[in-house]
Amino acid sequence: MRARIVTVMIAIGLLTGCVPTRQDYGAYVTLLQGSSRARSEAVKDCAKGFDANGRRGAGIVTNVSDKDAPRVACERFVAAVVSGRLTYDDVVDVRQHRFTPKIIRIFQGR
């Protein structure tokens, strides 16, 4: 139960606009790397945060239907965090709506 609470708290921090500290980010990455359930929960929680405009934008970037776009975008985001392709600084850029070519490629699945 404690792991679920930690996952949700960190995921909310990462995916809502609050920028986590580097230490929090490191703990989040470690948690995601070691738990497929934590990854699934992070994707699910992330996908809930999309409104209609967000779904449409994500659909365009991910090249999938607007309905599936939040899940696909979040799966790609979480996979990139787990693999180390997205760094702390990249996540800060995403939270501040600064989309670099690297971030766009990740959301495109490249």
C-alpha atoms as a PDB file:
ATOM      1  CA  MET A   1       0.000   0.000   0.000  1.00  0.00           C
ATOM      2  CA  ARG A   2       2.828   2.403   0.830  1.00  0.00           C
ATOM      3  CA  ALA A   3       4.402   1.837  -2.602  1.00  0.00           C
ATOM      4  CA  ARG A   4       1.073   2.712  -4.257  1.00  0.00           C
ATOM      5  CA  ILE A   5       0.848   5.943  -2.295  1.00  0.00           C
ATOM      6  CA  VAL A   6       4.434   6.864  -3.161  1.00  0.00           C
ATOM      7  CA  THR A   7       3.826   6.037  -6.833  1.00  0.00           C
ATOM      8  CA  VAL A   8       0.702   8.138  -6.997  1.00  0.00           C
ATOM      9  CA  MET A   9       2.274  11.077  -5.169  1.00  0.00           C
ATOM     10  CA  ILE A  10       5.342  11.135  -7.375  1.00  0.00           C
ATOM     11  CA  ALA A  11       3.338  10.521 -10.554  1.00  0.00           C
ATOM     12  CA  ILE A  12       1.011  13.373  -9.671  1.00  0.00           C
ATOM     13  CA  GLY A  13       4.019  15.577  -9.114  1.00  0.00           C
ATOM     14  CA  LEU A  14       5.577  14.619 -12.425  1.00  0.00           C
ATOM     15  CA  LEU A  15       2.460  14.739 -14.510  1.00  0.00           C
ATOM     16  CA  THR A  16       0.450  17.633 -13.113  1.00  0.00           C
ATOM     17  CA  GLY A  17       2.691  20.616 -13.311  1.00  0.00           C
ATOM     18  CA  CYS A  18       4.624  20.329 -10.100  1.00  0.00           C
ATOM     19  CA  VAL A  19       8.262  19.819 -10.874  1.00  0.00           C
ATOM     20  CA  PRO A  20       9.827  17.214  -8.603  1.00  0.00           C
ATOM     21  CA  THR A  21      13.249  17.545  -7.105  1.00  0.00           C
ATOM     22  CA  ARG A  22      16.064  15.542  -8.674  1.00  0.00           C
ATOM     23  CA  GLN A  23      15.957  13.242  -5.649  1.00  0.00           C
ATOM     24  CA  ASP A  24      12.218  12.630  -6.050  1.00  0.00           C
ATOM     25  CA  TYR A  25      12.740  11.996  -9.747  1.00  0.00           C
ATOM     26  CA  GLY A  26      15.505   9.490  -9.004  1.00  0.00           C
ATOM     27  CA  ALA A  27      13.261   7.644  -6.555  1.00  0.00           C
ATOM     28  CA  TYR A  28      10.431   7.625  -9.100  1.00  0.00           C
ATOM     29  CA  VAL A  29      12.687   6.182 -11.818  1.00  0.00           C
ATOM     30  CA  THR A  30      13.960   3.485  -9.466  1.00  0.00           C
ATOM     31  CA  LEU A  31      10.401   2.587  -8.509  1.00  0.00           C
ATOM     32  CA  LEU A  32       9.301   2.378 -12.156  1.00  0.00           C
ATOM     33  CA  GLN A  33      12.323   0.306 -13.152  1.00  0.00           C
ATOM     34  CA  GLY A  34      11.600  -2.290 -10.493  1.00  0.00           C
ATOM     35  CA  SER A  35       7.838  -2.615 -10.716  1.00  0.00           C
ATOM     36  CA  SER A  36       5.673  -3.338 -13.731  1.00  0.00           C
ATOM     37  CA  ARG A  37       2.646  -2.571 -11.573  1.00  0.00           C
ATOM     38  CA  ALA A  38       4.047   0.874 -10.772  1.00  0.00           C
ATOM     39  CA  ARG A  39       4.571   1.471 -14.508  1.00  0.00           C
ATOM     40  CA  SER A  40       0.983   0.444 -15.251  1.00  0.00           C
ATOM     41  CA  GLU A  41      -0.359   2.711 -12.500  1.00  0.00           C
ATOM     42  CA  ALA A  42       1.785   5.613 -13.710  1.00  0.00           C
ATOM     43  CA  VAL A  43       0.450   5.220 -17.265  1.00  0.00           C
ATOM     44  CA  LYS A  44      -3.126   4.983 -16.012  1.00  0.00           C
ATOM     45  CA  ASP A  45      -2.778   8.040 -13.764  1.00  0.00           C
ATOM     46  CA  CYS A  46      -1.029   9.996 -16.512  1.00  0.00           C
ATOM     47  CA  ALA A  47      -3.717   9.202 -19.104  1.00  0.00           C
ATOM     48  CA  LYS A  48      -6.452  10.482 -16.778  1.00  0.00           C
ATOM     49  CA  GLY A  49      -4.926  13.957 -16.922  1.00  0.00           C
ATOM     50  CA  PHE A  50      -5.777  14.651 -20.570  1.00  0.00           C
ATOM     51  CA  ASP A  51      -8.658  16.951 -21.501  1.00  0.00           C
ATOM     52  CA  ALA A  52     -10.184  17.091 -25.013  1.00  0.00           C
ATOM     53  CA  ASN A  53      -7.528  19.474 -26.332  1.00  0.00           C
ATOM     54  CA  GLY A  54      -4.773  17.383 -24.786  1.00  0.00           C
ATOM     55  CA  ARG A  55      -6.171  14.214 -26.374  1.00  0.00           C
ATOM     56  CA  ARG A  56      -6.329  15.901 -29.765  1.00  0.00           C
ATOM     57  CA  GLY A  57      -2.770  17.240 -29.512  1.00  0.00           C
ATOM     58  CA  ALA A  58      -1.452  13.917 -28.283  1.00  0.00           C
ATOM     59  CA  GLY A  59      -3.270  12.175 -31.141  1.00  0.00           C
ATOM     60  CA  ILE A  60      -1.510  14.380 -33.659  1.00  0.00           C
ATOM     61  CA  VAL A  61       1.935  13.852 -32.129  1.00  0.00           C
ATOM     62  CA  THR A  62       1.576  10.115 -31.481  1.00  0.00           C
ATOM     63  CA  ASN A  63      -0.215   9.478 -34.800  1.00  0.00           C
ATOM     64  CA  VAL A  64      -2.988   7.444 -33.171  1.00  0.00           C
ATOM     65  CA  SER A  65      -6.681   8.102 -32.589  1.00  0.00           C
ATOM     66  CA  ASP A  66      -7.544  10.827 -30.095  1.00  0.00           C
ATOM     67  CA  LYS A  67      -9.198   8.142 -27.952  1.00  0.00           C
ATOM     68  CA  ASP A  68      -5.987   6.081 -27.667  1.00  0.00           C
ATOM     69  CA  ALA A  69      -3.555   9.012 -27.634  1.00  0.00           C
ATOM     70  CA  PRO A  70      -3.356   9.628 -23.856  1.00  0.00           C
ATOM     71  CA  ARG A  71      -2.514   5.998 -23.130  1.00  0.00           C
ATOM     72  CA  VAL A  72       0.021   5.788 -25.977  1.00  0.00           C
ATOM     73  CA  ALA A  73       1.661   9.106 -25.041  1.00  0.00           C
ATOM     74  CA  CYS A  74       1.889   8.076 -21.390  1.00  0.00           C
ATOM     75  CA  GLU A  75       3.263   4.626 -22.238  1.00  0.00           C
ATOM     76  CA  ARG A  76       5.975   6.234 -24.357  1.00  0.00           C
ATOM     77  CA  PHE A  77       6.700   8.818 -21.662  1.00  0.00           C
ATOM     78  CA  VAL A  78       7.004   6.222 -18.905  1.00  0.00           C
ATOM     79  CA  ALA A  79       9.101   3.886 -21.086  1.00  0.00           C
ATOM     80  CA  ALA A  80      11.483   6.753 -21.872  1.00  0.00           C
ATOM     81  CA  VAL A  81      11.798   7.634 -18.184  1.00  0.00           C
ATOM     82  CA  VAL A  82      12.487   3.995 -17.264  1.00  0.00           C
ATOM     83  CA  SER A  83      15.060   3.536 -20.030  1.00  0.00           C
ATOM     84  CA  GLY A  84      16.858   6.761 -19.160  1.00  0.00           C
ATOM     85  CA  ARG A  85      16.070   8.332 -22.525  1.00  0.00           C
ATOM     86  CA  LEU A  86      14.201  11.107 -20.718  1.00  0.00           C
ATOM     87  CA  THR A  87      16.282  12.848 -18.103  1.00  0.00           C
ATOM     88  CA  TYR A  88      15.194  14.981 -15.189  1.00  0.00           C
ATOM     89  CA  ASP A  89      15.826  18.103 -17.282  1.00  0.00           C
ATOM     90  CA  ASP A  90      13.672  16.701 -20.108  1.00  0.00           C
ATOM     91  CA  VAL A  91      10.803  16.066 -17.694  1.00  0.00           C
ATOM     92  CA  VAL A  92      11.103  19.631 -16.427  1.00  0.00           C
ATOM     93  CA  ASP A  93      10.885  20.804 -20.065  1.00  0.00           C
ATOM     94  CA  VAL A  94       7.727  18.731 -20.625  1.00  0.00           C
ATOM     95  CA  ARG A  95       6.137  20.124 -17.455  1.00  0.00           C
ATOM     96  CA  GLN A  96       6.923  23.658 -18.605  1.00  0.00           C
ATOM     97  CA  HIS A  97       5.548  22.955 -22.102  1.00  0.00           C
ATOM     98  CA  ARG A  98       8.963  23.227 -23.784  1.00  0.00           C
ATOM     99  CA  PHE A  99       8.926  20.415 -26.295  1.00  0.00           C
ATOM    100  CA  THR A 100      12.353  19.768 -27.749  1.00  0.00           C
ATOM    101  CA  PRO A 101      12.965  17.641 -30.850  1.00  0.00           C
ATOM    102  CA  LYS A 102      14.117  14.813 -28.547  1.00  0.00           C
ATOM    103  CA  ILE A 103      10.844  14.904 -26.604  1.00  0.00           C
ATOM    104  CA  ILE A 104       8.755  15.022 -29.790  1.00  0.00           C
ATOM    105  CA  ARG A 105      10.615  11.979 -31.152  1.00  0.00           C
ATOM    106  CA  ILE A 106       9.869  10.076 -27.948  1.00  0.00           C
ATOM    107  CA  PHE A 107       6.162  10.876 -28.168  1.00  0.00           C
ATOM    108  CA  GLN A 108       6.239   9.850 -31.842  1.00  0.00           C
ATOM    109  CA  GLY A 109       7.684   6.499 -30.849  1.00  0.00           C
ATOM    110  CA  ARG A 110      11.004   7.041 -32.613  1.00  0.00           C
END
